[in-house]
Amino acid sequence: MKAVPPVDDDLPDTSNVREWTYRDITRLPPAEQKEWKAACQEELEALRRRKVFELVDRPKGRKVIKNRWVFDVKSDGRKKARLVAKGFSQVEGVDYDQIFSPVVRFETVRLILALSALENWHITGLDVRNAYLYGKLEEEIYMEQPEGFVAKGQERKVLRLLRALYGLKQAGLAWWRTLNESMKELGFKRLVSDAGLFIFRDKNGLPVIVVVYVDDALFCGPNKALVEKMKAKFMEKWECRDLGEPKEFLRMRIQRSGSTIRIDQCALSGTKVDWHLDMEK
């Protein structure tokens, strides 16, 4: 009897890459498998550089959570793999305590943008790459080794998580705590009424206001040189992508022409809400 080669129906659905599992990767042609496995390896190397985990003996009497690979294809064609913890398997009181993560209020963002327009302030943006991985864990959490990348000869060992991994229930809170301490070190003070707003003043009283929503941030102020200086200091602490003059923030499209800022909010469906904000000095 002849072996029948696999048909196209045996291959995973390429129109829905985000639903793939690692087993789907192993069903692809060898050349594509190599590309996706390289993406997985790149993710693991990034986690090792950040010292997100360490390989340890399996602890007795402790729950070991699972994980999964999440795949995506970027707009430029790059293949991306992310290791995500299965946070639903965490035990409250053991693997986590608090999970609430403060975020900036939407009204605050609109207020700061309006103020920037009225006072003709300089505005610049950035996003922090893999922000959650900077969050230090207070809890002792163990996780299985990722599928397809179990250390040879150390199959019974597990990963002890030292920093927050995407998918953990407390990942957002851990990152916010780390960010808050970092902003203090840079000389910023957090607004009591809004956890996502930080204010810095130099010796002459000139302000720099930073609006942070998870891993996206806007730096605003009347003095461009000072704003860029504080932004540069922030970027020395975290690996960031410099967005320059912001075009979008929290699903708000931002258009600036001189001292006029126009803001259009987009609904989740992609349609435009029936309001916009035009502010001119």
C-alpha atoms as a PDB file:
ATOM      1  CA  MET A   1       0.000   0.000   0.000  1.00  0.00           C
ATOM      2  CA  LYS A   2       1.306   3.439  -0.957  1.00  0.00           C
ATOM      3  CA  ALA A   3       1.485   6.239   1.582  1.00  0.00           C
ATOM      4  CA  VAL A   4      -0.947   9.014   0.716  1.00  0.00           C
ATOM      5  CA  PRO A   5       0.565  12.502   0.925  1.00  0.00           C
ATOM      6  CA  PRO A   6      -1.345  15.031   3.041  1.00  0.00           C
ATOM      7  CA  VAL A   7      -3.929  17.112   1.233  1.00  0.00           C
ATOM      8  CA  ASP A   8      -4.655  20.785   1.711  1.00  0.00           C
ATOM      9  CA  ASP A   9      -7.534  19.964   4.046  1.00  0.00           C
ATOM     10  CA  ASP A  10      -4.981  18.654   6.524  1.00  0.00           C
ATOM     11  CA  LEU A  11      -3.336  22.071   6.810  1.00  0.00           C
ATOM     12  CA  PRO A  12      -4.480  24.658   9.376  1.00  0.00           C
ATOM     13  CA  ASP A  13      -6.755  27.494   8.290  1.00  0.00           C
ATOM     14  CA  THR A  14      -4.402  30.317   7.246  1.00  0.00           C
ATOM     15  CA  SER A  15      -7.212  32.891   7.460  1.00  0.00           C
ATOM     16  CA  ASN A  16      -7.350  32.554  11.248  1.00  0.00           C
ATOM     17  CA  VAL A  17      -3.744  32.334  12.440  1.00  0.00           C
ATOM     18  CA  ARG A  18      -4.583  33.648  15.909  1.00  0.00           C
ATOM     19  CA  GLU A  19      -6.614  30.515  16.602  1.00  0.00           C
ATOM     20  CA  TRP A  20      -3.723  28.201  15.796  1.00  0.00           C
ATOM     21  CA  THR A  21      -2.103  25.976  18.403  1.00  0.00           C
ATOM     22  CA  TYR A  22       1.463  24.720  18.358  1.00  0.00           C
ATOM     23  CA  ARG A  23       0.175  21.426  16.949  1.00  0.00           C
ATOM     24  CA  ASP A  24      -1.135  23.359  13.952  1.00  0.00           C
ATOM     25  CA  ILE A  25       2.407  24.606  13.341  1.00  0.00           C
ATOM     26  CA  THR A  26       3.682  21.037  13.177  1.00  0.00           C
ATOM     27  CA  ARG A  27       1.171  20.313  10.377  1.00  0.00           C
ATOM     28  CA  LEU A  28       2.625  22.984   8.095  1.00  0.00           C
ATOM     29  CA  PRO A  29       5.187  22.345   5.334  1.00  0.00           C
ATOM     30  CA  PRO A  30       8.789  22.150   6.673  1.00  0.00           C
ATOM     31  CA  ALA A  31       9.795  25.603   5.409  1.00  0.00           C
ATOM     32  CA  GLU A  32       6.847  27.299   7.135  1.00  0.00           C
ATOM     33  CA  GLN A  33       7.368  25.256  10.300  1.00  0.00           C
ATOM     34  CA  LYS A  34      10.933  26.566  10.433  1.00  0.00           C
ATOM     35  CA  GLU A  35       9.753  30.192  10.212  1.00  0.00           C
ATOM     36  CA  TRP A  36       7.133  29.806  12.954  1.00  0.00           C
ATOM     37  CA  LYS A  37       9.498  27.906  15.250  1.00  0.00           C
ATOM     38  CA  ALA A  38      12.060  30.666  14.744  1.00  0.00           C
ATOM     39  CA  ALA A  39       9.390  33.161  15.864  1.00  0.00           C
ATOM     40  CA  CYS A  40       8.787  31.051  18.988  1.00  0.00           C
ATOM     41  CA  GLN A  41      12.523  30.925  19.672  1.00  0.00           C
ATOM     42  CA  GLU A  42      12.750  34.698  19.287  1.00  0.00           C
ATOM     43  CA  GLU A  43       9.990  35.117  21.878  1.00  0.00           C
ATOM     44  CA  LEU A  44      11.740  32.796  24.336  1.00  0.00           C
ATOM     45  CA  GLU A  45      15.036  34.634  23.887  1.00  0.00           C
ATOM     46  CA  ALA A  46      13.285  37.931  24.609  1.00  0.00           C
ATOM     47  CA  LEU A  47      11.812  36.435  27.799  1.00  0.00           C
ATOM     48  CA  ARG A  48      15.234  35.165  28.869  1.00  0.00           C
ATOM     49  CA  ARG A  49      16.831  38.578  28.296  1.00  0.00           C
ATOM     50  CA  ARG A  50      14.162  40.140  30.517  1.00  0.00           C
ATOM     51  CA  LYS A  51      14.749  37.386  33.110  1.00  0.00           C
ATOM     52  CA  VAL A  52      11.040  36.566  33.104  1.00  0.00           C
ATOM     53  CA  PHE A  53      11.572  33.003  34.340  1.00  0.00           C
ATOM     54  CA  GLU A  54      14.073  30.467  35.577  1.00  0.00           C
ATOM     55  CA  LEU A  55      14.113  26.683  35.142  1.00  0.00           C
ATOM     56  CA  VAL A  56      13.645  24.922  38.501  1.00  0.00           C
ATOM     57  CA  ASP A  57      12.669  21.546  39.960  1.00  0.00           C
ATOM     58  CA  ARG A  58       8.937  20.945  40.153  1.00  0.00           C
ATOM     59  CA  PRO A  59       7.856  22.011  43.671  1.00  0.00           C
ATOM     60  CA  LYS A  60       5.928  19.563  45.817  1.00  0.00           C
ATOM     61  CA  GLY A  61       2.372  20.523  46.709  1.00  0.00           C
ATOM     62  CA  ARG A  62       2.298  23.562  44.393  1.00  0.00           C
ATOM     63  CA  LYS A  63      -0.002  24.023  41.410  1.00  0.00           C
ATOM     64  CA  VAL A  64       1.816  24.448  38.106  1.00  0.00           C
ATOM     65  CA  ILE A  65      -0.162  26.510  35.604  1.00  0.00           C
ATOM     66  CA  LYS A  66      -0.234  25.835  31.878  1.00  0.00           C
ATOM     67  CA  ASN A  67       0.535  28.096  28.932  1.00  0.00           C
ATOM     68  CA  ARG A  68      -0.120  28.341  25.208  1.00  0.00           C
ATOM     69  CA  TRP A  69       1.371  29.871  22.099  1.00  0.00           C
ATOM     70  CA  VAL A  70      -0.478  32.721  20.368  1.00  0.00           C
ATOM     71  CA  PHE A  71       0.461  33.336  16.746  1.00  0.00           C
ATOM     72  CA  ASP A  72      -0.026  36.320  14.449  1.00  0.00           C
ATOM     73  CA  VAL A  73       1.157  37.722  11.122  1.00  0.00           C
ATOM     74  CA  LYS A  74       2.041  41.427  11.207  1.00  0.00           C
ATOM     75  CA  SER A  75       1.086  43.880   8.470  1.00  0.00           C
ATOM     76  CA  ASP A  76       4.635  43.708   7.073  1.00  0.00           C
ATOM     77  CA  GLY A  77       4.441  39.907   6.811  1.00  0.00           C
ATOM     78  CA  ARG A  78       6.519  39.140   9.920  1.00  0.00           C
ATOM     79  CA  LYS A  79       5.506  36.057  11.851  1.00  0.00           C
ATOM     80  CA  LYS A  80       4.989  36.698  15.556  1.00  0.00           C
ATOM     81  CA  ALA A  81       4.656  34.189  18.396  1.00  0.00           C
ATOM     82  CA  ARG A  82       3.811  35.064  22.003  1.00  0.00           C
ATOM     83  CA  LEU A  83       3.892  32.787  25.028  1.00  0.00           C
ATOM     84  CA  VAL A  84       0.797  33.368  27.155  1.00  0.00           C
ATOM     85  CA  ALA A  85       0.038  31.950  30.592  1.00  0.00           C
ATOM     86  CA  LYS A  86      -3.324  30.274  31.089  1.00  0.00           C
ATOM     87  CA  GLY A  87      -4.351  32.611  33.882  1.00  0.00           C
ATOM     88  CA  PHE A  88      -7.729  30.933  34.345  1.00  0.00           C
ATOM     89  CA  SER A  89      -5.932  28.032  36.030  1.00  0.00           C
ATOM     90  CA  GLN A  90      -4.484  30.311  38.746  1.00  0.00           C
ATOM     91  CA  VAL A  91      -5.769  29.839  42.301  1.00  0.00           C
ATOM     92  CA  GLU A  92      -6.929  32.975  44.138  1.00  0.00           C
ATOM     93  CA  GLY A  93      -5.068  33.496  47.387  1.00  0.00           C
ATOM     94  CA  VAL A  94      -2.206  31.289  46.208  1.00  0.00           C
ATOM     95  CA  ASP A  95      -1.181  32.451  42.742  1.00  0.00           C
ATOM     96  CA  TYR A  96      -2.612  35.955  43.033  1.00  0.00           C
ATOM     97  CA  ASP A  97      -4.276  38.332  45.477  1.00  0.00           C
ATOM     98  CA  GLN A  98      -5.152  41.637  43.806  1.00  0.00           C
ATOM     99  CA  ILE A  99      -5.721  41.936  40.067  1.00  0.00           C
ATOM    100  CA  PHE A 100      -7.258  45.400  39.604  1.00  0.00           C
ATOM    101  CA  SER A 101      -4.981  47.601  37.475  1.00  0.00           C
ATOM    102  CA  PRO A 102      -5.640  51.376  37.481  1.00  0.00           C
ATOM    103  CA  VAL A 103      -5.886  53.082  34.086  1.00  0.00           C
ATOM    104  CA  VAL A 104      -6.270  56.683  33.010  1.00  0.00           C
ATOM    105  CA  ARG A 105      -9.833  57.976  32.666  1.00  0.00           C
ATOM    106  CA  PHE A 106     -11.059  58.746  29.174  1.00  0.00           C
ATOM    107  CA  GLU A 107     -12.267  62.193  30.283  1.00  0.00           C
ATOM    108  CA  THR A 108      -8.761  62.997  31.541  1.00  0.00           C
ATOM    109  CA  VAL A 109      -7.249  62.233  28.150  1.00  0.00           C
ATOM    110  CA  ARG A 110      -9.726  64.575  26.447  1.00  0.00           C
ATOM    111  CA  LEU A 111      -8.996  67.291  29.009  1.00  0.00           C
ATOM    112  CA  ILE A 112      -5.210  67.110  28.519  1.00  0.00           C
ATOM    113  CA  LEU A 113      -5.556  67.167  24.736  1.00  0.00           C
ATOM    114  CA  ALA A 114      -7.886  70.186  24.975  1.00  0.00           C
ATOM    115  CA  LEU A 115      -5.416  71.941  27.290  1.00  0.00           C
ATOM    116  CA  SER A 116      -2.563  71.176  24.894  1.00  0.00           C
ATOM    117  CA  ALA A 117      -4.539  72.724  22.037  1.00  0.00           C
ATOM    118  CA  LEU A 118      -5.520  75.837  23.992  1.00  0.00           C
ATOM    119  CA  GLU A 119      -1.962  76.435  25.213  1.00  0.00           C
ATOM    120  CA  ASN A 120      -0.303  75.213  21.984  1.00  0.00           C
ATOM    121  CA  TRP A 121       1.702  72.603  23.906  1.00  0.00           C
ATOM    122  CA  HIS A 122       4.080  70.117  22.361  1.00  0.00           C
ATOM    123  CA  ILE A 123       2.681  66.550  22.299  1.00  0.00           C
ATOM    124  CA  THR A 124       4.621  63.374  21.554  1.00  0.00           C
ATOM    125  CA  GLY A 125       3.850  59.685  22.063  1.00  0.00           C
ATOM    126  CA  LEU A 126       5.428  56.276  22.566  1.00  0.00           C
ATOM    127  CA  ASP A 127       4.521  52.732  23.449  1.00  0.00           C
ATOM    128  CA  VAL A 128       6.411  50.349  25.716  1.00  0.00           C
ATOM    129  CA  ARG A 129       7.324  47.063  24.046  1.00  0.00           C
ATOM    130  CA  ASN A 130       6.116  43.995  25.970  1.00  0.00           C
ATOM    131  CA  ALA A 131       5.262  46.203  28.947  1.00  0.00           C
ATOM    132  CA  TYR A 132       3.856  43.448  31.149  1.00  0.00           C
ATOM    133  CA  LEU A 133       7.201  41.638  31.148  1.00  0.00           C
ATOM    134  CA  TYR A 134       8.673  44.449  33.260  1.00  0.00           C
ATOM    135  CA  GLY A 135       6.214  43.845  36.089  1.00  0.00           C
ATOM    136  CA  LYS A 136       7.821  42.101  39.065  1.00  0.00           C
ATOM    137  CA  LEU A 137       5.769  39.357  40.685  1.00  0.00           C
ATOM    138  CA  GLU A 138       5.201  39.302  44.430  1.00  0.00           C
ATOM    139  CA  GLU A 139       3.686  35.798  44.306  1.00  0.00           C
ATOM    140  CA  GLU A 140       5.493  32.476  43.798  1.00  0.00           C
ATOM    141  CA  ILE A 141       4.153  31.125  40.489  1.00  0.00           C
ATOM    142  CA  TYR A 142       5.246  28.039  38.570  1.00  0.00           C
ATOM    143  CA  MET A 143       4.453  27.246  34.950  1.00  0.00           C
ATOM    144  CA  GLU A 144       4.992  24.306  32.643  1.00  0.00           C
ATOM    145  CA  GLN A 145       7.677  24.513  29.974  1.00  0.00           C
ATOM    146  CA  PRO A 146       6.273  25.718  26.623  1.00  0.00           C
ATOM    147  CA  GLU A 147       5.109  23.143  24.111  1.00  0.00           C
ATOM    148  CA  GLY A 148       7.782  22.346  21.526  1.00  0.00           C
ATOM    149  CA  PHE A 149      10.575  23.840  23.623  1.00  0.00           C
ATOM    150  CA  VAL A 150      10.977  21.551  26.628  1.00  0.00           C
ATOM    151  CA  ALA A 151      14.619  21.499  27.778  1.00  0.00           C
ATOM    152  CA  LYS A 152      16.240  18.224  26.748  1.00  0.00           C
ATOM    153  CA  GLY A 153      17.135  16.069  29.734  1.00  0.00           C
ATOM    154  CA  GLN A 154      15.184  18.396  32.051  1.00  0.00           C
ATOM    155  CA  GLU A 155      11.671  17.438  31.032  1.00  0.00           C
ATOM    156  CA  ARG A 156      10.425  17.215  34.620  1.00  0.00           C
ATOM    157  CA  LYS A 157      11.490  20.745  35.484  1.00  0.00           C
ATOM    158  CA  VAL A 158       9.174  23.771  35.383  1.00  0.00           C
ATOM    159  CA  LEU A 159       9.499  27.514  34.987  1.00  0.00           C
ATOM    160  CA  ARG A 160       9.349  29.753  38.021  1.00  0.00           C
ATOM    161  CA  LEU A 161       7.982  33.117  36.875  1.00  0.00           C
ATOM    162  CA  LEU A 162       9.924  36.115  38.182  1.00  0.00           C
ATOM    163  CA  ARG A 163       8.094  38.733  36.122  1.00  0.00           C
ATOM    164  CA  ALA A 164       4.541  39.089  34.864  1.00  0.00           C
ATOM    165  CA  LEU A 165       3.787  37.083  31.748  1.00  0.00           C
ATOM    166  CA  TYR A 166       0.886  37.923  29.454  1.00  0.00           C
ATOM    167  CA  GLY A 167      -2.183  35.992  30.551  1.00  0.00           C
ATOM    168  CA  LEU A 168      -1.506  36.128  34.298  1.00  0.00           C
ATOM    169  CA  LYS A 169      -4.375  37.647  36.246  1.00  0.00           C
ATOM    170  CA  GLN A 170      -2.086  40.102  38.035  1.00  0.00           C
ATOM    171  CA  ALA A 171       0.048  41.029  34.993  1.00  0.00           C
ATOM    172  CA  GLY A 172      -1.544  44.470  34.516  1.00  0.00           C
ATOM    173  CA  LEU A 173      -1.260  45.399  38.181  1.00  0.00           C
ATOM    174  CA  ALA A 174       2.364  44.218  38.386  1.00  0.00           C
ATOM    175  CA  TRP A 175       3.298  46.413  35.408  1.00  0.00           C
ATOM    176  CA  TRP A 176       1.454  49.433  36.822  1.00  0.00           C
ATOM    177  CA  ARG A 177       3.273  49.120  40.166  1.00  0.00           C
ATOM    178  CA  THR A 178       6.633  48.943  38.393  1.00  0.00           C
ATOM    179  CA  LEU A 179       5.728  51.911  36.181  1.00  0.00           C
ATOM    180  CA  ASN A 180       4.570  53.966  39.159  1.00  0.00           C
ATOM    181  CA  GLU A 181       7.883  53.447  40.980  1.00  0.00           C
ATOM    182  CA  SER A 182       9.814  54.307  37.827  1.00  0.00           C
ATOM    183  CA  MET A 183       7.932  57.576  37.369  1.00  0.00           C
ATOM    184  CA  LYS A 184       8.747  58.520  40.973  1.00  0.00           C
ATOM    185  CA  GLU A 185      12.438  57.945  40.262  1.00  0.00           C
ATOM    186  CA  LEU A 186      12.185  60.291  37.263  1.00  0.00           C
ATOM    187  CA  GLY A 187      10.706  63.008  39.471  1.00  0.00           C
ATOM    188  CA  PHE A 188       7.057  62.688  38.435  1.00  0.00           C
ATOM    189  CA  LYS A 189       4.132  62.866  40.842  1.00  0.00           C
ATOM    190  CA  ARG A 190       0.995  60.835  40.191  1.00  0.00           C
ATOM    191  CA  LEU A 191      -2.371  62.537  40.298  1.00  0.00           C
ATOM    192  CA  VAL A 192      -4.344  61.158  43.253  1.00  0.00           C
ATOM    193  CA  SER A 193      -7.668  61.317  41.413  1.00  0.00           C
ATOM    194  CA  ASP A 194      -6.352  59.595  38.252  1.00  0.00           C
ATOM    195  CA  ALA A 195      -3.759  56.832  38.389  1.00  0.00           C
ATOM    196  CA  GLY A 196      -2.765  57.288  34.750  1.00  0.00           C
ATOM    197  CA  LEU A 197      -1.669  60.937  34.955  1.00  0.00           C
ATOM    198  CA  PHE A 198       1.862  61.955  36.034  1.00  0.00           C
ATOM    199  CA  ILE A 199       3.187  65.502  36.420  1.00  0.00           C
ATOM    200  CA  PHE A 200       6.782  66.764  36.473  1.00  0.00           C
ATOM    201  CA  ARG A 201       7.975  70.328  37.100  1.00  0.00           C
ATOM    202  CA  ASP A 202      11.501  71.601  36.549  1.00  0.00           C
ATOM    203  CA  LYS A 203      13.246  74.186  38.743  1.00  0.00           C
ATOM    204  CA  ASN A 204      11.495  76.977  36.816  1.00  0.00           C
ATOM    205  CA  GLY A 205       8.086  75.427  37.343  1.00  0.00           C
ATOM    206  CA  LEU A 206       7.633  74.315  33.732  1.00  0.00           C
ATOM    207  CA  PRO A 207       5.375  71.235  33.614  1.00  0.00           C
ATOM    208  CA  VAL A 208       5.546  67.983  31.697  1.00  0.00           C
ATOM    209  CA  ILE A 209       2.360  65.939  31.828  1.00  0.00           C
ATOM    210  CA  VAL A 210       2.383  62.251  30.972  1.00  0.00           C
ATOM    211  CA  VAL A 211      -0.806  60.342  30.220  1.00  0.00           C
ATOM    212  CA  VAL A 212      -0.369  56.559  30.428  1.00  0.00           C
ATOM    213  CA  TYR A 213      -2.809  53.858  29.373  1.00  0.00           C
ATOM    214  CA  VAL A 214      -1.225  50.423  29.954  1.00  0.00           C
ATOM    215  CA  ASP A 215       1.704  50.566  27.477  1.00  0.00           C
ATOM    216  CA  ASP A 216       0.770  53.722  25.534  1.00  0.00           C
ATOM    217  CA  ALA A 217       1.904  57.153  26.720  1.00  0.00           C
ATOM    218  CA  LEU A 218       1.568  60.804  25.702  1.00  0.00           C
ATOM    219  CA  PHE A 219       4.098  63.423  26.858  1.00  0.00           C
ATOM    220  CA  CYS A 220       2.786  67.012  26.824  1.00  0.00           C
ATOM    221  CA  GLY A 221       4.094  70.394  27.901  1.00  0.00           C
ATOM    222  CA  PRO A 222       4.774  74.025  26.923  1.00  0.00           C
ATOM    223  CA  ASN A 223       8.532  73.523  26.471  1.00  0.00           C
ATOM    224  CA  LYS A 224       9.386  71.106  23.650  1.00  0.00           C
ATOM    225  CA  ALA A 225      12.990  70.586  24.761  1.00  0.00           C
ATOM    226  CA  LEU A 226      11.921  69.681  28.311  1.00  0.00           C
ATOM    227  CA  VAL A 227       9.172  67.341  27.083  1.00  0.00           C
ATOM    228  CA  GLU A 228      11.601  65.525  24.783  1.00  0.00           C
ATOM    229  CA  LYS A 229      14.219  65.367  27.551  1.00  0.00           C
ATOM    230  CA  MET A 230      11.832  63.650  29.989  1.00  0.00           C
ATOM    231  CA  LYS A 231      10.579  61.355  27.257  1.00  0.00           C
ATOM    232  CA  ALA A 232      14.174  60.333  26.489  1.00  0.00           C
ATOM    233  CA  LYS A 233      14.782  59.560  30.169  1.00  0.00           C
ATOM    234  CA  PHE A 234      11.660  57.395  30.188  1.00  0.00           C
ATOM    235  CA  MET A 235      12.856  55.552  27.090  1.00  0.00           C
ATOM    236  CA  GLU A 236      16.203  54.829  28.767  1.00  0.00           C
ATOM    237  CA  LYS A 237      14.345  52.778  31.374  1.00  0.00           C
ATOM    238  CA  TRP A 238      12.079  50.836  29.026  1.00  0.00           C
ATOM    239  CA  GLU A 239      12.374  49.424  25.533  1.00  0.00           C
ATOM    240  CA  CYS A 240       9.971  51.687  23.621  1.00  0.00           C
ATOM    241  CA  ARG A 241       8.750  52.535  20.157  1.00  0.00           C
ATOM    242  CA  ASP A 242       8.896  56.281  19.525  1.00  0.00           C
ATOM    243  CA  LEU A 243       5.617  57.357  17.888  1.00  0.00           C
ATOM    244  CA  GLY A 244       6.504  61.038  17.533  1.00  0.00           C
ATOM    245  CA  GLU A 245       3.498  63.289  17.052  1.00  0.00           C
ATOM    246  CA  PRO A 246       0.512  61.090  17.960  1.00  0.00           C
ATOM    247  CA  LYS A 247      -2.039  60.243  15.302  1.00  0.00           C
ATOM    248  CA  GLU A 248      -4.193  58.021  17.531  1.00  0.00           C
ATOM    249  CA  PHE A 249      -4.653  57.335  21.241  1.00  0.00           C
ATOM    250  CA  LEU A 250      -7.295  55.171  22.927  1.00  0.00           C
ATOM    251  CA  ARG A 251      -9.150  54.792  19.628  1.00  0.00           C
ATOM    252  CA  MET A 252      -9.186  58.568  19.189  1.00  0.00           C
ATOM    253  CA  ARG A 253      -7.838  59.901  15.911  1.00  0.00           C
ATOM    254  CA  ILE A 254      -5.830  63.066  16.539  1.00  0.00           C
ATOM    255  CA  GLN A 255      -5.254  65.655  13.823  1.00  0.00           C
ATOM    256  CA  ARG A 256      -3.179  68.742  14.535  1.00  0.00           C
ATOM    257  CA  SER A 257      -2.747  71.808  12.361  1.00  0.00           C
ATOM    258  CA  GLY A 258      -0.837  74.616  14.037  1.00  0.00           C
ATOM    259  CA  SER A 259      -2.649  75.468  17.254  1.00  0.00           C
ATOM    260  CA  THR A 260      -5.748  73.474  16.298  1.00  0.00           C
ATOM    261  CA  ILE A 261      -6.300  69.884  17.434  1.00  0.00           C
ATOM    262  CA  ARG A 262      -9.176  67.813  16.115  1.00  0.00           C
ATOM    263  CA  ILE A 263     -10.122  64.617  17.901  1.00  0.00           C
ATOM    264  CA  ASP A 264     -12.461  62.010  16.444  1.00  0.00           C
ATOM    265  CA  GLN A 265     -13.444  59.033  18.564  1.00  0.00           C
ATOM    266  CA  CYS A 266     -14.073  55.739  16.793  1.00  0.00           C
ATOM    267  CA  ALA A 267     -16.561  53.244  18.176  1.00  0.00           C
ATOM    268  CA  LEU A 268     -15.504  49.620  18.537  1.00  0.00           C
ATOM    269  CA  SER A 269     -17.286  48.775  15.309  1.00  0.00           C
ATOM    270  CA  GLY A 270     -15.038  51.206  13.468  1.00  0.00           C
ATOM    271  CA  THR A 271     -17.792  53.744  12.861  1.00  0.00           C
ATOM    272  CA  LYS A 272     -17.436  57.320  14.015  1.00  0.00           C
ATOM    273  CA  VAL A 273     -19.207  58.617  17.093  1.00  0.00           C
ATOM    274  CA  ASP A 274     -21.237  61.781  16.537  1.00  0.00           C
ATOM    275  CA  TRP A 275     -18.885  64.101  18.349  1.00  0.00           C
ATOM    276  CA  HIS A 276     -15.546  65.727  17.701  1.00  0.00           C
ATOM    277  CA  LEU A 277     -13.448  68.226  19.579  1.00  0.00           C
ATOM    278  CA  ASP A 278     -11.905  71.237  17.860  1.00  0.00           C
ATOM    279  CA  MET A 279      -9.815  73.430  20.124  1.00  0.00           C
ATOM    280  CA  GLU A 280      -7.976  76.522  18.919  1.00  0.00           C
ATOM    281  CA  LYS A 281      -5.884  78.936  20.869  1.00  0.00           C
END
